[in-house]
C-alpha cells in the first residue's frame, strides 16, 4: 500500500513538473519573439498605428460589457463601413460631420482612414477604450472643471484674431489628443506613429501635425512653472513595461478639459512582434471625481509617417476671420 502511494505521488510530481516545464517553455517562446534593444529592454522602435473605431466611452447598447464576440462586433463594424459609403459625396452626413466636414462637404470618404474594426485585446474585441471605471464612461467632472470648460467654449466662438482660435486650427498641435498624452486614436486620419528608442531618450513622432514627444528616461520633472505643449514626460522601465509619467501641462492644451494639474501615467508593453499594449491613466482631482484609465493596442505597420501639410495652401484661417468680419458688417447695416 505504501509503495502504491509513493508511486502515485511520484507520478503527480512528475506531471506537475512537466506542466511547469511546458508553461516555462511557452513563456520563453513568447518572450523570445519580442525584439530586444541592445540594453536588454523590449525594442519598441518602428512604425505603429492606433486606428480603431472603438469609441472612448462605451455605448449603452452593450449593457456594460467591456468585450463582445467577433460576431457581435462585426455587426457594428459593417454598419460603420456601410454608413460611410452611403454618405460619400454628401455634404451633411452625420459621420462626415463628426469627422470635420461640418456640413460643408470639405471631406469625403476618400479622406477618412479611421480604421474599420474594434480594438482587440487578449483576443477579444473591446467596446470602449475606457476600462476603468468599469462602466466605460469618463467620471463626472467637478464644479470647478465645469466653470473652466464653460469659459473655454465661450472663447471658441471668438473670431477677433488668429491667436484666440483653437490650437489645432492654428496648426500648433494635433486635434483630438493624437500626440497626447494620452495618445488617442484620431477617428479620422493620420493615425501613424514612429518610435525611436535609446537608453537615455525615447522619441515618439506623431503623423498628425508631426508632433514630436521626447521622453527623458530616469530623469526628473522640470519645475512646475515650466509648461510644455505636450507636458514634461519622464520614463522608466518596470520589467518589460515602459512607464511614462507626464506633468507640467499647459491648461490651453490639457486633455479632455483637464487643468494644468493633470498627471498622465502611460504604460507601453510589447506583447508580441506586432503589438504594443497601451494603457494610460488620467488623474486630476480638480477636473474629475476619480482617476480613469484607457487601454488599447498599437499595431505594427510598414509606415512611413506621411506628410501632414497643415499651413501650406490652407485658406481656412483667412476665410474664418474674413467671414466673421463680413457678418459683423452685415449686422451693422
C-alpha atoms as a PDB file:
ATOM      1  CA  UNK A   1       0.000   0.000   0.000  1.00  0.00           C
ATOM      2  CA  UNK A   2       2.795   2.399   0.939  1.00  0.00           C
ATOM      3  CA  UNK A   3       4.677   1.653  -2.283  1.00  0.00           C
ATOM      4  CA  UNK A   4       1.492   2.314  -4.277  1.00  0.00           C
ATOM      5  CA  UNK A   5       1.007   5.718  -2.609  1.00  0.00           C
ATOM      6  CA  UNK A   6       4.644   6.628  -3.201  1.00  0.00           C
ATOM      7  CA  UNK A   7       4.357   5.623  -6.844  1.00  0.00           C
ATOM      8  CA  UNK A   8       1.229   7.745  -7.268  1.00  0.00           C
ATOM      9  CA  UNK A   9       2.906  10.698  -5.579  1.00  0.00           C
ATOM     10  CA  UNK A  10       5.850  10.325  -7.938  1.00  0.00           C
ATOM     11  CA  UNK A  11       3.561  10.386 -10.954  1.00  0.00           C
ATOM     12  CA  UNK A  12       1.814  13.526  -9.634  1.00  0.00           C
ATOM     13  CA  UNK A  13       5.145  15.283  -9.026  1.00  0.00           C
ATOM     14  CA  UNK A  14       6.393  14.378 -12.489  1.00  0.00           C
ATOM     15  CA  UNK A  15       3.098  15.520 -14.017  1.00  0.00           C
ATOM     16  CA  UNK A  16       3.244  18.941 -12.339  1.00  0.00           C
ATOM     17  CA  UNK A  17       6.918  19.249 -13.169  1.00  0.00           C
ATOM     18  CA  UNK A  18       6.121  18.521 -16.818  1.00  0.00           C
ATOM     19  CA  UNK A  19       3.316  21.088 -16.836  1.00  0.00           C
ATOM     20  CA  UNK A  20       5.568  23.711 -15.261  1.00  0.00           C
ATOM     21  CA  UNK A  21       8.269  22.981 -17.826  1.00  0.00           C
ATOM     22  CA  UNK A  22       5.767  23.312 -20.687  1.00  0.00           C
ATOM     23  CA  UNK A  23       4.492  26.614 -19.277  1.00  0.00           C
ATOM     24  CA  UNK A  24       8.031  27.919 -18.929  1.00  0.00           C
ATOM     25  CA  UNK A  25       8.836  26.828 -22.481  1.00  0.00           C
ATOM     26  CA  UNK A  26       5.762  28.624 -23.833  1.00  0.00           C
ATOM     27  CA  UNK A  27       6.610  31.801 -21.889  1.00  0.00           C
ATOM     28  CA  UNK A  28      10.178  31.653 -23.185  1.00  0.00           C
ATOM     29  CA  UNK A  29       8.934  31.222 -26.745  1.00  0.00           C
ATOM     30  CA  UNK A  30       6.639  34.269 -26.426  1.00  0.00           C
ATOM     31  CA  UNK A  31       9.405  36.302 -24.807  1.00  0.00           C
ATOM     32  CA  UNK A  32      11.911  35.389 -27.488  1.00  0.00           C
ATOM     33  CA  UNK A  33       9.522  36.624 -30.189  1.00  0.00           C
ATOM     34  CA  UNK A  34       9.712  40.174 -28.796  1.00  0.00           C
ATOM     35  CA  UNK A  35      12.669  42.125 -30.212  1.00  0.00           C
ATOM     36  CA  UNK A  36      15.165  43.381 -27.640  1.00  0.00           C
ATOM     37  CA  UNK A  37      17.171  46.597 -27.680  1.00  0.00           C
ATOM     38  CA  UNK A  38      20.943  46.455 -27.026  1.00  0.00           C
ATOM     39  CA  UNK A  39      20.330  47.368 -23.360  1.00  0.00           C
ATOM     40  CA  UNK A  40      18.102  44.305 -22.921  1.00  0.00           C
ATOM     41  CA  UNK A  41      14.765  46.115 -22.726  1.00  0.00           C
ATOM     42  CA  UNK A  42      11.982  45.396 -25.246  1.00  0.00           C
ATOM     43  CA  UNK A  43      12.579  47.224 -28.507  1.00  0.00           C
ATOM     44  CA  UNK A  44       9.580  49.468 -29.189  1.00  0.00           C
ATOM     45  CA  UNK A  45      11.073  51.027 -32.295  1.00  0.00           C
ATOM     46  CA  UNK A  46       9.302  51.077 -35.613  1.00  0.00           C
ATOM     47  CA  UNK A  47       6.082  52.322 -37.167  1.00  0.00           C
ATOM     48  CA  UNK A  48       2.750  51.818 -35.398  1.00  0.00           C
ATOM     49  CA  UNK A  49      -0.904  52.648 -35.958  1.00  0.00           C
ATOM     50  CA  UNK A  50      -3.651  53.121 -33.380  1.00  0.00           C
ATOM     51  CA  UNK A  51      -6.519  53.354 -35.885  1.00  0.00           C
ATOM     52  CA  UNK A  52      -9.689  51.830 -34.438  1.00  0.00           C
ATOM     53  CA  UNK A  53     -13.416  52.501 -34.347  1.00  0.00           C
ATOM     54  CA  UNK A  54     -13.683  51.502 -30.689  1.00  0.00           C
ATOM     55  CA  UNK A  55     -15.010  54.688 -29.052  1.00  0.00           C
ATOM     56  CA  UNK A  56     -13.569  56.309 -25.956  1.00  0.00           C
ATOM     57  CA  UNK A  57     -16.766  55.728 -23.987  1.00  0.00           C
ATOM     58  CA  UNK A  58     -18.955  52.630 -24.117  1.00  0.00           C
ATOM     59  CA  UNK A  59     -22.344  52.779 -25.783  1.00  0.00           C
ATOM     60  CA  UNK A  60     -25.331  51.752 -23.657  1.00  0.00           C
ATOM     61  CA  UNK A  61     -26.280  49.153 -26.269  1.00  0.00           C
ATOM     62  CA  UNK A  62     -23.532  46.866 -24.932  1.00  0.00           C
ATOM     63  CA  UNK A  63     -25.079  46.673 -21.486  1.00  0.00           C
ATOM     64  CA  UNK A  64     -21.886  47.447 -19.643  1.00  0.00           C
ATOM     65  CA  UNK A  65     -19.862  44.715 -21.395  1.00  0.00           C
ATOM     66  CA  UNK A  66     -16.199  45.578 -21.976  1.00  0.00           C
ATOM     67  CA  UNK A  67     -15.825  42.885 -24.643  1.00  0.00           C
ATOM     68  CA  UNK A  68     -18.009  41.356 -27.346  1.00  0.00           C
ATOM     69  CA  UNK A  69     -17.637  38.394 -29.650  1.00  0.00           C
ATOM     70  CA  UNK A  70     -16.295  38.813 -33.166  1.00  0.00           C
ATOM     71  CA  UNK A  71     -19.810  38.200 -34.497  1.00  0.00           C
ATOM     72  CA  UNK A  72     -21.303  40.953 -32.308  1.00  0.00           C
ATOM     73  CA  UNK A  73     -18.522  43.378 -33.225  1.00  0.00           C
ATOM     74  CA  UNK A  74     -18.903  42.593 -36.925  1.00  0.00           C
ATOM     75  CA  UNK A  75     -22.475  43.939 -36.912  1.00  0.00           C
ATOM     76  CA  UNK A  76     -21.329  47.369 -35.753  1.00  0.00           C
ATOM     77  CA  UNK A  77     -18.190  47.334 -37.908  1.00  0.00           C
ATOM     78  CA  UNK A  78     -20.197  46.526 -41.025  1.00  0.00           C
ATOM     79  CA  UNK A  79     -22.712  49.257 -40.247  1.00  0.00           C
ATOM     80  CA  UNK A  80     -19.960  51.867 -39.818  1.00  0.00           C
ATOM     81  CA  UNK A  81     -18.408  50.911 -43.149  1.00  0.00           C
ATOM     82  CA  UNK A  82     -21.748  50.988 -44.948  1.00  0.00           C
ATOM     83  CA  UNK A  83     -22.782  54.295 -43.360  1.00  0.00           C
ATOM     84  CA  UNK A  84     -19.592  55.941 -44.592  1.00  0.00           C
ATOM     85  CA  UNK A  85     -20.174  54.589 -48.106  1.00  0.00           C
ATOM     86  CA  UNK A  86     -23.772  55.834 -48.065  1.00  0.00           C
ATOM     87  CA  UNK A  87     -22.658  59.321 -47.036  1.00  0.00           C
ATOM     88  CA  UNK A  88     -19.868  59.601 -49.596  1.00  0.00           C
ATOM     89  CA  UNK A  89     -20.456  62.639 -51.768  1.00  0.00           C
ATOM     90  CA  UNK A  90     -22.928  64.215 -49.341  1.00  0.00           C
ATOM     91  CA  UNK A  91     -22.189  67.461 -47.548  1.00  0.00           C
ATOM     92  CA  UNK A  92     -24.008  66.864 -44.283  1.00  0.00           C
ATOM     93  CA  UNK A  93     -23.945  63.160 -43.378  1.00  0.00           C
ATOM     94  CA  UNK A  94     -23.551  62.575 -39.596  1.00  0.00           C
ATOM     95  CA  UNK A  95     -20.309  60.604 -39.933  1.00  0.00           C
ATOM     96  CA  UNK A  96     -18.659  63.176 -42.177  1.00  0.00           C
ATOM     97  CA  UNK A  97     -19.846  65.989 -39.908  1.00  0.00           C
ATOM     98  CA  UNK A  98     -18.345  64.178 -36.924  1.00  0.00           C
ATOM     99  CA  UNK A  99     -15.010  63.855 -38.703  1.00  0.00           C
ATOM    100  CA  UNK A 100     -14.657  67.508 -39.589  1.00  0.00           C
ATOM    101  CA  UNK A 101     -16.822  68.248 -42.601  1.00  0.00           C
ATOM    102  CA  UNK A 102     -19.325  70.270 -40.528  1.00  0.00           C
ATOM    103  CA  UNK A 103     -21.847  70.193 -43.340  1.00  0.00           C
ATOM    104  CA  UNK A 104     -19.541  71.943 -45.799  1.00  0.00           C
ATOM    105  CA  UNK A 105     -18.612  68.939 -47.912  1.00  0.00           C
ATOM    106  CA  UNK A 106     -14.968  69.549 -47.081  1.00  0.00           C
ATOM    107  CA  UNK A 107     -14.207  65.833 -46.770  1.00  0.00           C
ATOM    108  CA  UNK A 108     -15.486  62.723 -48.460  1.00  0.00           C
ATOM    109  CA  UNK A 109     -14.877  59.029 -47.777  1.00  0.00           C
ATOM    110  CA  UNK A 110     -11.564  59.106 -49.634  1.00  0.00           C
ATOM    111  CA  UNK A 111     -10.050  61.192 -46.808  1.00  0.00           C
ATOM    112  CA  UNK A 112     -11.310  59.015 -43.951  1.00  0.00           C
ATOM    113  CA  UNK A 113      -8.830  56.459 -42.614  1.00  0.00           C
ATOM    114  CA  UNK A 114     -10.189  55.794 -39.160  1.00  0.00           C
ATOM    115  CA  UNK A 115      -9.821  52.014 -39.122  1.00  0.00           C
ATOM    116  CA  UNK A 116     -12.604  49.518 -39.679  1.00  0.00           C
ATOM    117  CA  UNK A 117     -12.575  47.298 -36.567  1.00  0.00           C
ATOM    118  CA  UNK A 118     -12.944  47.354 -32.823  1.00  0.00           C
ATOM    119  CA  UNK A 119      -9.671  47.204 -30.891  1.00  0.00           C
ATOM    120  CA  UNK A 120      -8.712  43.650 -29.899  1.00  0.00           C
ATOM    121  CA  UNK A 121      -7.065  42.909 -26.531  1.00  0.00           C
ATOM    122  CA  UNK A 122      -6.409  39.391 -25.205  1.00  0.00           C
ATOM    123  CA  UNK A 123      -8.196  38.010 -28.262  1.00  0.00           C
ATOM    124  CA  UNK A 124     -11.462  39.858 -27.592  1.00  0.00           C
ATOM    125  CA  UNK A 125     -12.979  42.938 -29.224  1.00  0.00           C
ATOM    126  CA  UNK A 126     -13.308  45.951 -26.897  1.00  0.00           C
ATOM    127  CA  UNK A 127     -16.438  48.131 -26.790  1.00  0.00           C
ATOM    128  CA  UNK A 128     -14.664  51.152 -25.278  1.00  0.00           C
ATOM    129  CA  UNK A 129     -11.150  52.424 -24.748  1.00  0.00           C
ATOM    130  CA  UNK A 130     -12.056  53.134 -21.127  1.00  0.00           C
ATOM    131  CA  UNK A 131     -11.527  50.103 -18.895  1.00  0.00           C
ATOM    132  CA  UNK A 132     -11.829  51.894 -15.549  1.00  0.00           C
ATOM    133  CA  UNK A 133     -14.393  52.910 -14.354  1.00  0.00           C
ATOM    134  CA  UNK A 134     -15.983  49.573 -15.278  1.00  0.00           C
ATOM    135  CA  UNK A 135     -18.988  51.293 -16.885  1.00  0.00           C
ATOM    136  CA  UNK A 136     -16.702  52.606 -19.629  1.00  0.00           C
ATOM    137  CA  UNK A 137     -17.589  56.254 -19.004  1.00  0.00           C
ATOM    138  CA  UNK A 138     -15.465  59.289 -18.170  1.00  0.00           C
ATOM    139  CA  UNK A 139     -16.013  60.053 -14.449  1.00  0.00           C
ATOM    140  CA  UNK A 140     -18.162  63.069 -13.541  1.00  0.00           C
ATOM    141  CA  UNK A 141     -16.432  66.453 -13.679  1.00  0.00           C
ATOM    142  CA  UNK A 142     -16.076  68.757 -10.697  1.00  0.00           C
ATOM    143  CA  UNK A 143     -17.900  72.114 -10.440  1.00  0.00           C
ATOM    144  CA  UNK A 144     -14.521  73.843 -10.895  1.00  0.00           C
ATOM    145  CA  UNK A 145     -13.950  71.964 -14.149  1.00  0.00           C
ATOM    146  CA  UNK A 146     -17.411  72.795 -15.474  1.00  0.00           C
ATOM    147  CA  UNK A 147     -16.777  76.513 -14.885  1.00  0.00           C
ATOM    148  CA  UNK A 148     -13.385  76.273 -16.568  1.00  0.00           C
ATOM    149  CA  UNK A 149     -14.738  74.444 -19.622  1.00  0.00           C
ATOM    150  CA  UNK A 150     -17.614  76.905 -19.993  1.00  0.00           C
ATOM    151  CA  UNK A 151     -15.018  79.651 -20.374  1.00  0.00           C
ATOM    152  CA  UNK A 152     -13.144  77.645 -22.992  1.00  0.00           C
ATOM    153  CA  UNK A 153     -16.306  77.064 -25.021  1.00  0.00           C
ATOM    154  CA  UNK A 154     -17.159  80.763 -24.921  1.00  0.00           C
ATOM    155  CA  UNK A 155     -13.723  81.578 -26.293  1.00  0.00           C
ATOM    156  CA  UNK A 156     -14.202  79.034 -29.088  1.00  0.00           C
ATOM    157  CA  UNK A 157     -16.683  81.444 -30.659  1.00  0.00           C
ATOM    158  CA  UNK A 158     -14.205  84.315 -30.532  1.00  0.00           C
ATOM    159  CA  UNK A 159     -13.091  85.387 -34.005  1.00  0.00           C
ATOM    160  CA  UNK A 160     -11.274  88.593 -33.073  1.00  0.00           C
ATOM    161  CA  UNK A 161      -7.813  87.443 -34.203  1.00  0.00           C
ATOM    162  CA  UNK A 162      -5.728  84.403 -35.072  1.00  0.00           C
ATOM    163  CA  UNK A 163      -4.320  83.931 -31.573  1.00  0.00           C
ATOM    164  CA  UNK A 164      -7.680  83.230 -29.948  1.00  0.00           C
ATOM    165  CA  UNK A 165      -8.559  80.410 -32.346  1.00  0.00           C
ATOM    166  CA  UNK A 166      -8.117  76.748 -31.225  1.00  0.00           C
ATOM    167  CA  UNK A 167      -4.572  75.390 -31.294  1.00  0.00           C
ATOM    168  CA  UNK A 168      -5.298  72.672 -33.863  1.00  0.00           C
ATOM    169  CA  UNK A 169      -6.961  75.224 -36.130  1.00  0.00           C
ATOM    170  CA  UNK A 170      -3.702  77.175 -35.999  1.00  0.00           C
ATOM    171  CA  UNK A 171      -1.689  74.017 -36.790  1.00  0.00           C
ATOM    172  CA  UNK A 172       0.181  74.256 -33.473  1.00  0.00           C
ATOM    173  CA  UNK A 173      -0.933  70.900 -32.075  1.00  0.00           C
ATOM    174  CA  UNK A 174      -2.916  67.942 -33.397  1.00  0.00           C
ATOM    175  CA  UNK A 175      -6.632  67.866 -32.646  1.00  0.00           C
ATOM    176  CA  UNK A 176      -8.175  65.054 -30.634  1.00  0.00           C
ATOM    177  CA  UNK A 177      -5.085  64.401 -28.450  1.00  0.00           C
ATOM    178  CA  UNK A 178      -3.347  62.319 -31.097  1.00  0.00           C
ATOM    179  CA  UNK A 179       0.033  63.230 -29.609  1.00  0.00           C
ATOM    180  CA  UNK A 180      -1.279  63.174 -26.075  1.00  0.00           C
ATOM    181  CA  UNK A 181      -0.594  62.288 -23.541  1.00  0.00           C
ATOM    182  CA  UNK A 182      -2.697  60.260 -23.518  1.00  0.00           C
ATOM    183  CA  UNK A 183      -2.208  59.282 -27.170  1.00  0.00           C
ATOM    184  CA  UNK A 184      -5.680  58.834 -28.635  1.00  0.00           C
ATOM    185  CA  UNK A 185      -6.937  57.424 -31.948  1.00  0.00           C
ATOM    186  CA  UNK A 186      -7.881  60.253 -34.285  1.00  0.00           C
ATOM    187  CA  UNK A 187     -11.056  58.565 -35.647  1.00  0.00           C
ATOM    188  CA  UNK A 188     -10.334  60.475 -38.831  1.00  0.00           C
ATOM    189  CA  UNK A 189      -6.920  60.052 -40.473  1.00  0.00           C
ATOM    190  CA  UNK A 190      -3.118  60.232 -39.883  1.00  0.00           C
ATOM    191  CA  UNK A 191      -3.073  57.547 -37.186  1.00  0.00           C
ATOM    192  CA  UNK A 192       0.583  56.521 -37.654  1.00  0.00           C
ATOM    193  CA  UNK A 193       3.428  56.872 -35.146  1.00  0.00           C
ATOM    194  CA  UNK A 194       7.173  56.288 -35.234  1.00  0.00           C
ATOM    195  CA  UNK A 195       9.146  55.337 -32.116  1.00  0.00           C
ATOM    196  CA  UNK A 196      12.923  55.808 -31.854  1.00  0.00           C
ATOM    197  CA  UNK A 197      14.488  54.392 -28.692  1.00  0.00           C
ATOM    198  CA  UNK A 198      17.791  54.877 -26.890  1.00  0.00           C
ATOM    199  CA  UNK A 199      18.683  54.107 -23.237  1.00  0.00           C
ATOM    200  CA  UNK A 200      18.522  57.836 -22.389  1.00  0.00           C
ATOM    201  CA  UNK A 201      15.668  59.113 -24.556  1.00  0.00           C
ATOM    202  CA  UNK A 202      12.620  57.780 -26.373  1.00  0.00           C
ATOM    203  CA  UNK A 203      11.083  59.793 -29.220  1.00  0.00           C
ATOM    204  CA  UNK A 204       7.538  59.341 -30.492  1.00  0.00           C
ATOM    205  CA  UNK A 205       6.741  61.116 -33.758  1.00  0.00           C
ATOM    206  CA  UNK A 206       3.041  61.566 -34.445  1.00  0.00           C
ATOM    207  CA  UNK A 207       1.794  61.723 -38.015  1.00  0.00           C
ATOM    208  CA  UNK A 208      -0.868  64.297 -37.170  1.00  0.00           C
ATOM    209  CA  UNK A 209       0.779  67.757 -37.357  1.00  0.00           C
ATOM    210  CA  UNK A 210       4.131  65.935 -36.966  1.00  0.00           C
ATOM    211  CA  UNK A 211       4.080  66.482 -33.214  1.00  0.00           C
ATOM    212  CA  UNK A 212       7.164  65.000 -31.539  1.00  0.00           C
ATOM    213  CA  UNK A 213       7.176  63.687 -27.984  1.00  0.00           C
ATOM    214  CA  UNK A 214      10.520  63.375 -26.191  1.00  0.00           C
ATOM    215  CA  UNK A 215      10.565  61.100 -23.124  1.00  0.00           C
ATOM    216  CA  UNK A 216      13.595  61.535 -20.888  1.00  0.00           C
ATOM    217  CA  UNK A 217      14.476  58.267 -19.173  1.00  0.00           C
ATOM    218  CA  UNK A 218      15.126  58.124 -15.417  1.00  0.00           C
ATOM    219  CA  UNK A 219      15.136  61.899 -15.134  1.00  0.00           C
ATOM    220  CA  UNK A 220      13.358  64.459 -13.001  1.00  0.00           C
ATOM    221  CA  UNK A 221      10.482  66.719 -13.943  1.00  0.00           C
ATOM    222  CA  UNK A 222      11.161  70.343 -14.715  1.00  0.00           C
ATOM    223  CA  UNK A 223       9.878  72.929 -12.186  1.00  0.00           C
ATOM    224  CA  UNK A 224       6.081  73.190 -12.311  1.00  0.00           C
ATOM    225  CA  UNK A 225       6.402  76.737 -13.659  1.00  0.00           C
ATOM    226  CA  UNK A 226       7.760  75.347 -16.954  1.00  0.00           C
ATOM    227  CA  UNK A 227       4.755  74.336 -19.053  1.00  0.00           C
ATOM    228  CA  UNK A 228       5.017  72.452 -22.337  1.00  0.00           C
ATOM    229  CA  UNK A 229       2.594  71.817 -25.193  1.00  0.00           C
ATOM    230  CA  UNK A 230       2.858  68.062 -24.617  1.00  0.00           C
ATOM    231  CA  UNK A 231       3.736  68.230 -20.937  1.00  0.00           C
ATOM    232  CA  UNK A 232       7.002  67.045 -19.384  1.00  0.00           C
ATOM    233  CA  UNK A 233       7.437  63.283 -19.841  1.00  0.00           C
ATOM    234  CA  UNK A 234       9.787  61.165 -17.689  1.00  0.00           C
ATOM    235  CA  UNK A 235      10.119  57.429 -18.379  1.00  0.00           C
ATOM    236  CA  UNK A 236      11.438  54.341 -16.635  1.00  0.00           C
ATOM    237  CA  UNK A 237      11.228  50.588 -17.096  1.00  0.00           C
ATOM    238  CA  UNK A 238       9.236  48.333 -14.800  1.00  0.00           C
ATOM    239  CA  UNK A 239      10.316  44.920 -16.018  1.00  0.00           C
ATOM    240  CA  UNK A 240       9.323  44.812 -19.697  1.00  0.00           C
ATOM    241  CA  UNK A 241       6.890  47.724 -19.416  1.00  0.00           C
ATOM    242  CA  UNK A 242       7.822  51.282 -20.330  1.00  0.00           C
ATOM    243  CA  UNK A 243       6.179  53.624 -17.804  1.00  0.00           C
ATOM    244  CA  UNK A 244       5.875  57.322 -18.677  1.00  0.00           C
ATOM    245  CA  UNK A 245       4.691  59.966 -16.224  1.00  0.00           C
ATOM    246  CA  UNK A 246       3.752  63.344 -17.678  1.00  0.00           C
ATOM    247  CA  UNK A 247       3.082  66.593 -15.795  1.00  0.00           C
ATOM    248  CA  UNK A 248       3.547  70.338 -16.439  1.00  0.00           C
ATOM    249  CA  UNK A 249       0.711  70.669 -18.944  1.00  0.00           C
ATOM    250  CA  UNK A 250      -0.446  73.948 -20.377  1.00  0.00           C
ATOM    251  CA  UNK A 251      -4.075  74.472 -19.470  1.00  0.00           C
ATOM    252  CA  UNK A 252      -4.883  75.553 -23.037  1.00  0.00           C
ATOM    253  CA  UNK A 253      -3.853  72.087 -24.248  1.00  0.00           C
ATOM    254  CA  UNK A 254      -4.765  69.831 -21.322  1.00  0.00           C
ATOM    255  CA  UNK A 255      -6.604  66.646 -22.285  1.00  0.00           C
ATOM    256  CA  UNK A 256     -10.407  66.463 -22.212  1.00  0.00           C
ATOM    257  CA  UNK A 257     -10.840  69.753 -20.383  1.00  0.00           C
ATOM    258  CA  UNK A 258      -8.339  68.932 -17.625  1.00  0.00           C
ATOM    259  CA  UNK A 259      -6.423  71.558 -15.691  1.00  0.00           C
ATOM    260  CA  UNK A 260      -2.695  72.233 -15.677  1.00  0.00           C
ATOM    261  CA  UNK A 261      -2.535  69.864 -12.673  1.00  0.00           C
ATOM    262  CA  UNK A 262      -3.242  66.828 -14.855  1.00  0.00           C
ATOM    263  CA  UNK A 263      -0.945  63.841 -14.348  1.00  0.00           C
ATOM    264  CA  UNK A 264      -0.933  61.125 -17.014  1.00  0.00           C
ATOM    265  CA  UNK A 265       0.719  57.753 -16.422  1.00  0.00           C
ATOM    266  CA  UNK A 266       1.215  55.677 -19.568  1.00  0.00           C
ATOM    267  CA  UNK A 267       2.320  52.050 -19.845  1.00  0.00           C
ATOM    268  CA  UNK A 268       3.610  50.560 -23.096  1.00  0.00           C
ATOM    269  CA  UNK A 269       4.208  46.817 -23.163  1.00  0.00           C
ATOM    270  CA  UNK A 270       5.204  44.989 -26.328  1.00  0.00           C
ATOM    271  CA  UNK A 271       3.237  41.770 -26.108  1.00  0.00           C
ATOM    272  CA  UNK A 272       4.408  40.316 -29.419  1.00  0.00           C
ATOM    273  CA  UNK A 273       6.288  41.291 -32.561  1.00  0.00           C
ATOM    274  CA  UNK A 274       3.296  43.161 -33.973  1.00  0.00           C
ATOM    275  CA  UNK A 275       1.560  44.660 -30.943  1.00  0.00           C
ATOM    276  CA  UNK A 276       2.189  47.208 -28.202  1.00  0.00           C
ATOM    277  CA  UNK A 277      -0.478  47.232 -25.486  1.00  0.00           C
ATOM    278  CA  UNK A 278      -1.020  50.851 -24.492  1.00  0.00           C
ATOM    279  CA  UNK A 279      -2.570  51.907 -21.194  1.00  0.00           C
ATOM    280  CA  UNK A 280      -2.956  55.423 -19.782  1.00  0.00           C
ATOM    281  CA  UNK A 281      -4.392  56.703 -16.507  1.00  0.00           C
ATOM    282  CA  UNK A 282      -5.567  60.313 -16.137  1.00  0.00           C
ATOM    283  CA  UNK A 283      -5.528  61.831 -12.657  1.00  0.00           C
ATOM    284  CA  UNK A 284      -6.679  65.398 -11.991  1.00  0.00           C
ATOM    285  CA  UNK A 285      -8.770  65.883  -8.811  1.00  0.00           C
ATOM    286  CA  UNK A 286      -9.659  69.415  -9.898  1.00  0.00           C
ATOM    287  CA  UNK A 287     -11.323  68.050 -13.043  1.00  0.00           C
ATOM    288  CA  UNK A 288     -12.691  64.524 -12.394  1.00  0.00           C
ATOM    289  CA  UNK A 289     -14.089  62.898  -9.272  1.00  0.00           C
ATOM    290  CA  UNK A 290     -11.641  60.000  -9.650  1.00  0.00           C
ATOM    291  CA  UNK A 291      -8.818  58.811 -11.935  1.00  0.00           C
ATOM    292  CA  UNK A 292      -9.726  56.886 -15.084  1.00  0.00           C
ATOM    293  CA  UNK A 293      -7.898  54.534 -17.435  1.00  0.00           C
ATOM    294  CA  UNK A 294      -7.932  53.651 -21.130  1.00  0.00           C
ATOM    295  CA  UNK A 295      -6.339  50.643 -22.844  1.00  0.00           C
ATOM    296  CA  UNK A 296      -5.981  49.545 -26.459  1.00  0.00           C
ATOM    297  CA  UNK A 297      -3.320  48.190 -28.868  1.00  0.00           C
ATOM    298  CA  UNK A 298      -0.900  49.909 -31.210  1.00  0.00           C
ATOM    299  CA  UNK A 299      -0.339  47.629 -34.216  1.00  0.00           C
ATOM    300  CA  UNK A 300       2.824  47.413 -36.296  1.00  0.00           C
ATOM    301  CA  UNK A 301       2.633  48.957 -39.750  1.00  0.00           C
ATOM    302  CA  UNK A 302       5.150  49.447 -42.532  1.00  0.00           C
ATOM    303  CA  UNK A 303       4.794  53.212 -42.397  1.00  0.00           C
ATOM    304  CA  UNK A 304       6.009  55.669 -43.401  1.00  0.00           C
ATOM    305  CA  UNK A 305       4.958  58.756 -41.481  1.00  0.00           C
ATOM    306  CA  UNK A 306       3.097  60.654 -44.186  1.00  0.00           C
ATOM    307  CA  UNK A 307       3.393  64.376 -44.718  1.00  0.00           C
ATOM    308  CA  UNK A 308       0.804  66.485 -42.949  1.00  0.00           C
ATOM    309  CA  UNK A 309       0.691  69.853 -44.709  1.00  0.00           C
ATOM    310  CA  UNK A 310      -1.365  71.972 -42.342  1.00  0.00           C
ATOM    311  CA  UNK A 311      -0.279  75.548 -43.084  1.00  0.00           C
ATOM    312  CA  UNK A 312       0.641  75.069 -46.746  1.00  0.00           C
ATOM    313  CA  UNK A 313      -2.238  76.003 -49.019  1.00  0.00           C
ATOM    314  CA  UNK A 314      -4.545  76.414 -46.008  1.00  0.00           C
ATOM    315  CA  UNK A 315      -7.035  79.195 -46.634  1.00  0.00           C
ATOM    316  CA  UNK A 316      -9.269  78.274 -43.707  1.00  0.00           C
ATOM    317  CA  UNK A 317      -7.936  80.825 -41.205  1.00  0.00           C
ATOM    318  CA  UNK A 318      -8.242  83.686 -43.661  1.00  0.00           C
ATOM    319  CA  UNK A 319     -11.748  82.581 -44.597  1.00  0.00           C
ATOM    320  CA  UNK A 320     -12.826  82.083 -40.951  1.00  0.00           C
ATOM    321  CA  UNK A 321     -11.737  85.544 -39.837  1.00  0.00           C
ATOM    322  CA  UNK A 322     -12.874  87.151 -43.088  1.00  0.00           C
ATOM    323  CA  UNK A 323     -16.280  85.543 -42.722  1.00  0.00           C
ATOM    324  CA  UNK A 324     -16.585  86.904 -39.189  1.00  0.00           C
ATOM    325  CA  UNK A 325     -15.789  90.431 -40.377  1.00  0.00           C
ATOM    326  CA  UNK A 326     -18.396  90.120 -43.146  1.00  0.00           C
ATOM    327  CA  UNK A 327     -21.059  89.010 -40.660  1.00  0.00           C
ATOM    328  CA  UNK A 328     -20.176  91.943 -38.388  1.00  0.00           C
ATOM    329  CA  UNK A 329     -20.517  94.355 -41.317  1.00  0.00           C
ATOM    330  CA  UNK A 330     -23.917  92.955 -42.244  1.00  0.00           C
ATOM    331  CA  UNK A 331     -25.095  93.212 -38.638  1.00  0.00           C
ATOM    332  CA  UNK A 332     -24.232  96.937 -38.569  1.00  0.00           C
ATOM    333  CA  UNK A 333     -26.363  97.750 -41.629  1.00  0.00           C
END
